[in-house]
Amino acid sequence: MFALIASEFMPVSLLTPMAADLRVSEGLAGYGIAISGAFAVLTSLSISALAGGMDRKILLLGLTALMALSGAVVALAPNYPTYMIGRALIGVVIGGFWSMSAATAMRLVPAAQVPRALAIFNGGNALATVIAAPLGSYLGSIIGWRGAFGCLIPVAVIAFIWQWAALPAITATRAADSGNVFRLLKRRTVALGMAACGTFFMGQFVLFTYVRPFLETVAHVDVSTLSLILLGIGLAGFVGTTIVGAFLKASLYRTLIIIPVLMATIALSLIPFGAWVDTVAVLLGLWGLLATAAPVGWWSWIAQVLPKDAEAGGGLMVAVIQLAIALGSTIGGALFDGAGYQASFMASAAVLLLAAFLSWMTSRSQST
């Protein structure tokens, strides 16, 4: 998971040299992230049907090999179209891995240990989010952007060997008509839960996408302080993934309701305290702790609500999350540019409170 997330976000810190070398604008180079997201959505909606009865260990090994191939294609890309093909390949891997994460965890550990297994998955995610950008920037300055992407290849090879040696054969367990993931939305609990999950991620990214310009223009932090605050957010997120399992074990829905309420409170608190750097750093650290812990809860929800259809449910959730992030970033950007950070942060809080309400509705639906 670490190698996958590092591959996904590596271009963020290497856009400038990549754009210059490929002779395109930085905006066009940035589309390498957008195209990976688009292919992640397409893959998440179709991989369960396309994989059929294939041993999921073989499928995971194939996706890991594709991750290494993507790194090689990007590192050796002679032109922009080839670079985009390499980025599309990593999108396929992202959609495939995330879609099967809950289903794979359910088959590898006892039911009571599923939240902890998912927390370990997301711990790799949080760790990569912390390290990928600064590591990519550092490697890019030492061995160039192609060398930085080339470094991902041996990491993928190690992950391939580890999975080949450690994973047992994983028999596919597919429900009837599992090819159409949208059929799951006919169930009221699933529809409400997907709406709650999507609303949560939308509210999160209405604010978080623009945290850097907020820190630069409102808190007036310098580059080193900015890096420390971002590092603190990532480290807090890593802590969040390690402790959330205990809360989920005590009460899944209570955790899913409380987290967006607390994040909405933080979003509103950032408005009056925006110029207080120390207070902002603490608030954003708490934000990172909660925001990174929440996905563990939603993947645990998939395991609880769709125990026999986790692959299709996981694929649908990946698509919902990706679309919600895109929508949240777009809305947040329009508000940030048009009405200021206060409007963006208030909108984030409102959407997060809606996510808490939808989570409560989901819990009521499941209990009836």
Protein backbone atom coordinates (compact mmCIF):
# COMPACT_ATOMS: atom_id res chain seq x y z
CA MET A 1 0.00 0.00 0.00
CA PHE A 2 2.91 2.33 0.75
CA ALA A 3 4.38 1.80 -2.72
CA LEU A 4 0.98 2.30 -4.35
CA ILE A 5 0.18 5.60 -2.63
CA ALA A 6 3.74 6.84 -3.16
CA SER A 7 3.34 6.08 -6.88
CA GLU A 8 0.01 7.89 -6.99
CA PHE A 9 1.17 11.15 -5.45
CA MET A 10 4.83 11.27 -6.55
CA PRO A 11 4.06 13.73 -9.43
CA VAL A 12 2.85 16.35 -6.89
CA SER A 13 6.41 17.14 -5.83
CA LEU A 14 7.97 16.67 -9.28
CA LEU A 15 5.63 18.62 -11.56
CA THR A 16 8.05 21.38 -12.50
CA PRO A 17 10.98 19.22 -13.75
CA MET A 18 8.58 16.73 -15.36
CA ALA A 19 6.81 19.48 -17.28
CA ALA A 20 10.10 20.98 -18.44
CA ASP A 21 11.52 17.63 -19.58
CA LEU A 22 8.33 16.52 -21.36
CA ARG A 23 7.94 20.02 -22.88
CA VAL A 24 4.40 20.61 -21.59
CA SER A 25 2.88 23.02 -19.08
CA GLU A 26 2.73 22.15 -15.40
CA GLY A 27 -1.04 21.95 -15.74
CA LEU A 28 -0.76 19.27 -18.42
CA ALA A 29 1.78 17.37 -16.34
CA GLY A 30 -0.68 17.56 -13.44
CA TYR A 31 -3.26 15.75 -15.54
CA GLY A 32 -1.18 12.66 -14.80
CA ILE A 33 -2.88 12.61 -11.40
CA ALA A 34 -6.32 13.24 -12.88
CA ILE A 35 -6.02 10.40 -15.40
CA SER A 36 -4.95 7.94 -12.69
CA GLY A 37 -8.05 8.95 -10.70
CA ALA A 38 -10.31 8.43 -13.74
CA PHE A 39 -8.91 4.96 -14.41
CA ALA A 40 -9.18 4.13 -10.72
CA VAL A 41 -12.93 4.82 -10.88
CA LEU A 42 -13.40 2.74 -14.05
CA THR A 43 -11.40 -0.15 -12.60
CA SER A 44 -13.16 -0.09 -9.24
CA LEU A 45 -16.55 -0.43 -10.92
CA SER A 46 -15.54 -3.32 -13.18
CA ILE A 47 -12.71 -5.33 -11.63
CA SER A 48 -14.93 -7.73 -9.68
CA ALA A 49 -16.79 -8.72 -12.84
CA LEU A 50 -13.67 -8.81 -15.02
CA ALA A 51 -11.71 -10.93 -12.53
CA GLY A 52 -14.51 -13.51 -12.30
CA GLY A 53 -13.41 -16.57 -10.37
CA MET A 54 -9.69 -15.81 -10.57
CA ASP A 55 -7.63 -16.56 -7.47
CA ARG A 56 -7.38 -13.13 -5.79
CA LYS A 57 -3.73 -13.79 -4.90
CA ILE A 58 -2.95 -14.04 -8.62
CA LEU A 59 -4.95 -10.88 -9.23
CA LEU A 60 -3.04 -8.97 -6.51
CA LEU A 61 0.28 -10.20 -7.92
CA GLY A 62 -0.80 -9.06 -11.39
CA LEU A 63 -1.70 -5.61 -10.10
CA THR A 64 1.64 -5.36 -8.29
CA ALA A 65 3.48 -6.27 -11.50
CA LEU A 66 1.43 -3.60 -13.29
CA MET A 67 2.55 -1.09 -10.64
CA ALA A 68 6.20 -1.86 -11.45
CA LEU A 69 5.45 -1.56 -15.18
CA SER A 70 3.78 1.81 -14.61
CA GLY A 71 6.87 3.09 -12.79
CA ALA A 72 9.10 1.93 -15.67
CA VAL A 73 6.86 3.46 -18.36
CA VAL A 74 6.78 6.84 -16.57
CA ALA A 75 10.51 6.81 -15.77
CA LEU A 76 11.45 6.03 -19.39
CA ALA A 77 8.66 8.03 -21.09
CA PRO A 78 10.10 9.66 -24.23
CA ASN A 79 7.08 11.96 -24.59
CA TYR A 80 3.90 13.19 -22.91
CA PRO A 81 1.46 10.56 -24.30
CA THR A 82 3.67 7.74 -23.00
CA TYR A 83 3.82 9.42 -19.59
CA MET A 84 0.02 9.57 -19.52
CA ILE A 85 -0.20 5.87 -20.42
CA GLY A 86 2.06 5.08 -17.47
CA ARG A 87 -0.14 7.16 -15.18
CA ALA A 88 -3.28 5.43 -16.49
CA LEU A 89 -1.72 2.07 -15.58
CA ILE A 90 -1.20 3.15 -11.96
CA GLY A 91 -4.85 4.25 -11.92
CA VAL A 92 -5.88 0.69 -12.78
CA VAL A 93 -3.76 -0.59 -9.89
CA ILE A 94 -5.21 1.98 -7.46
CA GLY A 95 -8.81 1.06 -8.34
CA GLY A 96 -8.10 -2.65 -8.18
CA PHE A 97 -6.24 -2.68 -4.87
CA TRP A 98 -8.64 -0.40 -2.99
CA SER A 99 -11.69 -2.25 -4.30
CA MET A 100 -10.42 -5.56 -2.95
CA SER A 101 -8.89 -4.30 0.30
CA ALA A 102 -11.89 -5.01 2.53
CA ALA A 103 -12.70 -8.33 0.84
CA THR A 104 -9.08 -9.48 1.10
CA ALA A 105 -8.82 -8.50 4.78
CA MET A 106 -12.03 -10.43 5.52
CA ARG A 107 -10.51 -13.60 4.06
CA LEU A 108 -7.13 -13.29 5.74
CA VAL A 109 -8.13 -12.56 9.36
CA PRO A 110 -11.03 -13.42 11.71
CA ALA A 111 -14.01 -11.05 11.60
CA ALA A 112 -13.06 -9.43 14.90
CA GLN A 113 -9.64 -8.49 13.49
CA VAL A 114 -10.90 -6.94 10.23
CA PRO A 115 -10.87 -3.31 11.53
CA ARG A 116 -7.29 -3.78 12.71
CA ALA A 117 -6.26 -5.27 9.35
CA LEU A 118 -7.89 -2.37 7.52
CA ALA A 119 -6.13 0.05 9.87
CA ILE A 120 -2.80 -1.50 8.84
CA PHE A 121 -3.77 -1.01 5.17
CA ASN A 122 -4.56 2.64 5.85
CA GLY A 123 -1.43 3.02 7.97
CA GLY A 124 0.59 2.38 4.81
CA ASN A 125 -1.55 5.00 3.11
CA ALA A 126 -0.90 7.57 5.84
CA LEU A 127 2.81 6.81 5.94
CA ALA A 128 3.13 7.22 2.17
CA THR A 129 1.17 10.48 2.31
CA VAL A 130 3.70 11.79 4.84
CA ILE A 131 6.81 10.61 3.03
CA ALA A 132 6.00 10.56 -0.71
CA ALA A 133 6.04 14.29 -1.43
CA PRO A 134 9.23 15.25 0.47
CA LEU A 135 10.99 12.04 -0.61
CA GLY A 136 10.03 12.63 -4.25
CA SER A 137 11.27 16.21 -4.05
CA TYR A 138 14.57 15.09 -2.49
CA LEU A 139 15.18 12.25 -4.94
CA GLY A 140 14.23 14.52 -7.84
CA SER A 141 16.91 17.00 -6.79
CA ILE A 142 19.54 14.24 -6.52
CA ILE A 143 18.81 11.82 -9.39
CA GLY A 144 16.15 13.63 -11.41
CA TRP A 145 12.41 12.97 -11.70
CA ARG A 146 12.96 9.89 -13.86
CA GLY A 147 15.25 8.41 -11.23
CA ALA A 148 12.66 9.14 -8.52
CA PHE A 149 10.02 7.16 -10.41
CA GLY A 150 12.60 4.47 -11.15
CA CYS A 151 13.10 4.00 -7.40
CA LEU A 152 9.49 2.82 -7.17
CA ILE A 153 10.23 -0.22 -9.35
CA PRO A 154 12.35 -2.19 -6.83
CA VAL A 155 9.82 -1.29 -4.11
CA ALA A 156 7.09 -2.83 -6.26
CA VAL A 157 9.26 -5.90 -6.92
CA ILE A 158 9.79 -6.38 -3.15
CA ALA A 159 6.02 -6.06 -2.60
CA PHE A 160 5.46 -8.67 -5.35
CA ILE A 161 7.89 -11.15 -3.76
CA TRP A 162 6.44 -10.54 -0.29
CA GLN A 163 2.87 -11.17 -1.46
CA TRP A 164 3.91 -14.23 -3.46
CA ALA A 165 5.59 -15.73 -0.37
CA ALA A 166 3.14 -14.59 2.33
CA LEU A 167 -0.34 -14.74 0.85
CA PRO A 168 -2.33 -17.96 0.66
CA ALA A 169 -4.52 -18.74 -2.32
CA ILE A 170 -7.62 -16.53 -2.01
CA THR A 171 -10.69 -18.08 -3.58
CA ALA A 172 -13.11 -15.63 -5.14
CA THR A 173 -16.47 -15.40 -3.40
CA ARG A 174 -18.81 -13.51 -5.66
CA ALA A 175 -22.51 -12.95 -5.18
CA ALA A 176 -24.94 -13.60 -7.99
CA ASP A 177 -25.03 -10.77 -10.52
CA SER A 178 -21.93 -9.25 -8.92
CA GLY A 179 -20.97 -7.62 -12.21
CA ASN A 180 -23.39 -4.75 -11.66
CA VAL A 181 -22.16 -2.96 -8.56
CA PHE A 182 -25.00 -0.40 -8.73
CA ARG A 183 -27.52 -3.09 -7.79
CA LEU A 184 -26.24 -2.72 -4.22
CA LEU A 185 -27.85 0.73 -4.06
CA LYS A 186 -31.27 -0.91 -4.06
CA ARG A 187 -30.63 -1.69 -0.41
CA ARG A 188 -31.58 1.35 1.70
CA THR A 189 -28.74 0.83 4.19
CA VAL A 190 -26.13 0.61 1.42
CA ALA A 191 -27.51 3.66 -0.40
CA LEU A 192 -27.52 5.74 2.78
CA GLY A 193 -24.06 4.53 3.78
CA MET A 194 -22.57 5.32 0.38
CA ALA A 195 -24.18 8.77 0.52
CA ALA A 196 -22.76 9.33 4.01
CA CYS A 197 -19.28 8.16 2.96
CA GLY A 198 -19.29 10.30 -0.21
CA THR A 199 -20.54 13.35 1.70
CA PHE A 200 -17.81 12.88 4.31
CA PHE A 201 -15.03 12.85 1.70
CA MET A 202 -16.58 15.78 -0.16
CA GLY A 203 -16.71 17.87 3.03
CA GLN A 204 -13.15 16.90 3.89
CA PHE A 205 -11.71 17.97 0.55
CA VAL A 206 -13.72 21.21 0.33
CA LEU A 207 -11.30 22.37 3.04
CA PHE A 208 -8.21 20.21 2.90
CA THR A 209 -7.41 20.79 -0.78
CA TYR A 210 -6.82 24.46 0.02
CA VAL A 211 -5.03 24.11 3.34
CA ARG A 212 -1.71 25.22 1.82
CA PRO A 213 -2.95 28.58 0.45
CA PHE A 214 -4.79 29.07 3.77
CA LEU A 215 -1.57 28.58 5.70
CA GLU A 216 0.38 30.85 3.36
CA THR A 217 -2.11 33.73 3.10
CA VAL A 218 -3.97 33.66 6.43
CA ALA A 219 -1.54 32.11 8.95
CA HIS A 220 1.40 33.64 7.01
CA VAL A 221 3.74 30.70 7.63
CA ASP A 222 7.09 30.36 5.88
CA VAL A 223 8.07 27.31 3.85
CA SER A 224 9.77 25.45 6.71
CA THR A 225 6.80 25.98 9.06
CA LEU A 226 4.44 24.92 6.29
CA SER A 227 6.40 21.70 5.82
CA LEU A 228 6.36 21.02 9.58
CA ILE A 229 2.59 21.54 9.80
CA LEU A 230 1.99 19.24 6.82
CA LEU A 231 4.31 16.66 8.35
CA GLY A 232 2.39 16.97 11.63
CA ILE A 233 -0.90 16.36 9.82
CA GLY A 234 0.53 13.22 8.24
CA LEU A 235 2.03 11.88 11.47
CA ALA A 236 -1.23 12.53 13.32
CA GLY A 237 -3.02 10.64 10.58
CA PHE A 238 -0.70 7.68 11.08
CA VAL A 239 -1.55 7.73 14.80
CA GLY A 240 -5.25 7.97 13.93
CA THR A 241 -5.16 4.77 11.88
CA THR A 242 -3.46 2.90 14.72
CA ILE A 243 -5.95 3.83 17.44
CA VAL A 244 -9.26 3.98 15.57
CA GLY A 245 -9.70 0.21 15.67
CA ALA A 246 -10.54 0.29 19.39
CA PHE A 247 -13.26 2.90 18.83
CA LEU A 248 -14.70 0.97 15.88
CA LYS A 249 -14.79 -2.19 17.97
CA ALA A 250 -16.73 -0.35 20.67
CA SER A 251 -19.23 1.19 18.24
CA LEU A 252 -18.83 1.46 14.47
CA TYR A 253 -21.64 3.93 13.84
CA ARG A 254 -20.91 6.13 16.84
CA THR A 255 -17.38 6.55 15.50
CA LEU A 256 -18.63 7.31 11.97
CA ILE A 257 -21.00 9.97 13.38
CA ILE A 258 -18.64 11.64 15.85
CA ILE A 259 -15.67 12.00 13.47
CA PRO A 260 -17.38 14.36 10.95
CA VAL A 261 -18.95 16.35 13.82
CA LEU A 262 -15.49 16.93 15.34
CA MET A 263 -14.01 17.80 11.93
CA ALA A 264 -16.83 20.32 11.33
CA THR A 265 -15.99 21.90 14.69
CA ILE A 266 -12.33 22.14 13.66
CA ALA A 267 -13.27 23.68 10.29
CA LEU A 268 -15.28 26.41 12.01
CA SER A 269 -12.59 26.95 14.67
CA LEU A 270 -9.96 27.61 11.99
CA ILE A 271 -11.83 30.76 10.89
CA PRO A 272 -11.40 32.89 14.05
CA PHE A 273 -8.02 31.33 14.94
CA GLY A 274 -6.58 31.40 11.40
CA ALA A 275 -3.83 33.89 12.23
CA TRP A 276 -2.65 31.96 15.33
CA VAL A 277 -0.02 29.62 13.91
CA ASP A 278 0.33 27.38 16.97
CA THR A 279 -3.43 26.97 17.34
CA VAL A 280 -3.81 26.29 13.61
CA ALA A 281 -1.08 23.64 13.78
CA VAL A 282 -2.85 21.86 16.66
CA LEU A 283 -6.25 22.05 14.96
CA LEU A 284 -4.89 20.73 11.66
CA GLY A 285 -3.08 17.95 13.51
CA LEU A 286 -6.40 16.88 15.04
CA TRP A 287 -7.96 17.17 11.58
CA GLY A 288 -5.32 14.81 10.16
CA LEU A 289 -5.83 12.31 13.00
CA LEU A 290 -9.61 12.19 12.40
CA ALA A 291 -9.60 12.40 8.60
CA THR A 292 -7.19 9.49 8.16
CA ALA A 293 -8.98 7.34 10.73
CA ALA A 294 -12.39 7.74 9.09
CA PRO A 295 -11.66 5.61 5.97
CA VAL A 296 -10.82 2.68 8.26
CA GLY A 297 -14.33 3.01 9.65
CA TRP A 298 -15.96 3.08 6.25
CA TRP A 299 -14.03 0.04 5.03
CA SER A 300 -15.05 -1.74 8.24
CA TRP A 301 -18.65 -0.74 7.45
CA ILE A 302 -18.33 -2.47 4.06
CA ALA A 303 -17.11 -5.62 5.79
CA GLN A 304 -20.04 -5.50 8.23
CA VAL A 305 -22.86 -4.61 5.82
CA LEU A 306 -21.72 -6.58 2.76
CA PRO A 307 -19.86 -9.61 4.12
CA LYS A 308 -20.71 -11.73 1.06
CA ASP A 309 -20.35 -8.96 -1.50
CA ALA A 310 -17.37 -6.98 -0.22
CA GLU A 311 -15.59 -6.81 -3.59
CA ALA A 312 -18.53 -5.18 -5.39
CA GLY A 313 -19.19 -2.96 -2.37
CA GLY A 314 -15.53 -1.97 -2.22
CA GLY A 315 -15.51 -1.12 -5.91
CA LEU A 316 -18.60 1.03 -5.53
CA MET A 317 -17.12 2.79 -2.51
CA VAL A 318 -13.86 3.58 -4.34
CA ALA A 319 -15.88 5.17 -7.17
CA VAL A 320 -18.00 7.17 -4.70
CA ILE A 321 -14.90 8.40 -2.84
CA GLN A 322 -13.02 9.41 -5.99
CA LEU A 323 -16.03 11.34 -7.34
CA ALA A 324 -16.65 12.97 -3.95
CA ILE A 325 -13.03 14.13 -3.73
CA ALA A 326 -13.24 15.66 -7.21
CA LEU A 327 -16.54 17.39 -6.40
CA GLY A 328 -15.34 18.62 -3.01
CA SER A 329 -12.11 20.02 -4.47
CA THR A 330 -14.06 21.82 -7.21
CA ILE A 331 -16.62 23.36 -4.83
CA GLY A 332 -13.91 24.31 -2.35
CA GLY A 333 -11.84 25.99 -5.08
CA ALA A 334 -14.80 28.01 -6.36
CA LEU A 335 -15.64 29.21 -2.84
CA PHE A 336 -12.00 29.87 -1.90
CA ASP A 337 -11.41 31.99 -5.01
CA GLY A 338 -14.83 33.67 -5.09
CA ALA A 339 -15.73 34.30 -1.45
CA GLY A 340 -12.61 33.59 0.60
CA TYR A 341 -11.44 30.80 2.86
CA GLN A 342 -14.20 31.50 5.40
CA ALA A 343 -16.89 30.46 2.90
CA SER A 344 -14.93 27.35 1.94
CA PHE A 345 -14.43 26.29 5.55
CA MET A 346 -18.07 26.95 6.51
CA ALA A 347 -19.21 24.91 3.52
CA SER A 348 -16.87 22.10 4.61
CA ALA A 349 -18.40 22.15 8.09
CA ALA A 350 -21.95 22.09 6.70
CA VAL A 351 -21.20 19.12 4.41
CA LEU A 352 -19.46 17.24 7.23
CA LEU A 353 -22.48 17.72 9.51
CA LEU A 354 -24.66 16.39 6.69
CA ALA A 355 -22.33 13.35 6.54
CA ALA A 356 -22.84 12.81 10.28
CA PHE A 357 -26.62 12.98 9.83
CA LEU A 358 -26.52 10.50 6.94
CA SER A 359 -24.35 8.17 9.04
CA TRP A 360 -26.99 8.33 11.78
CA MET A 361 -29.68 7.57 9.17
CA THR A 362 -27.59 4.59 8.01
CA SER A 363 -27.36 3.22 11.54
CA ARG A 364 -31.14 3.60 11.98
CA SER A 365 -31.75 1.86 8.67
CA GLN A 366 -29.55 -1.11 9.57
CA SER A 367 -31.13 -1.52 13.00
CA THR A 368 -34.70 -1.65 11.62
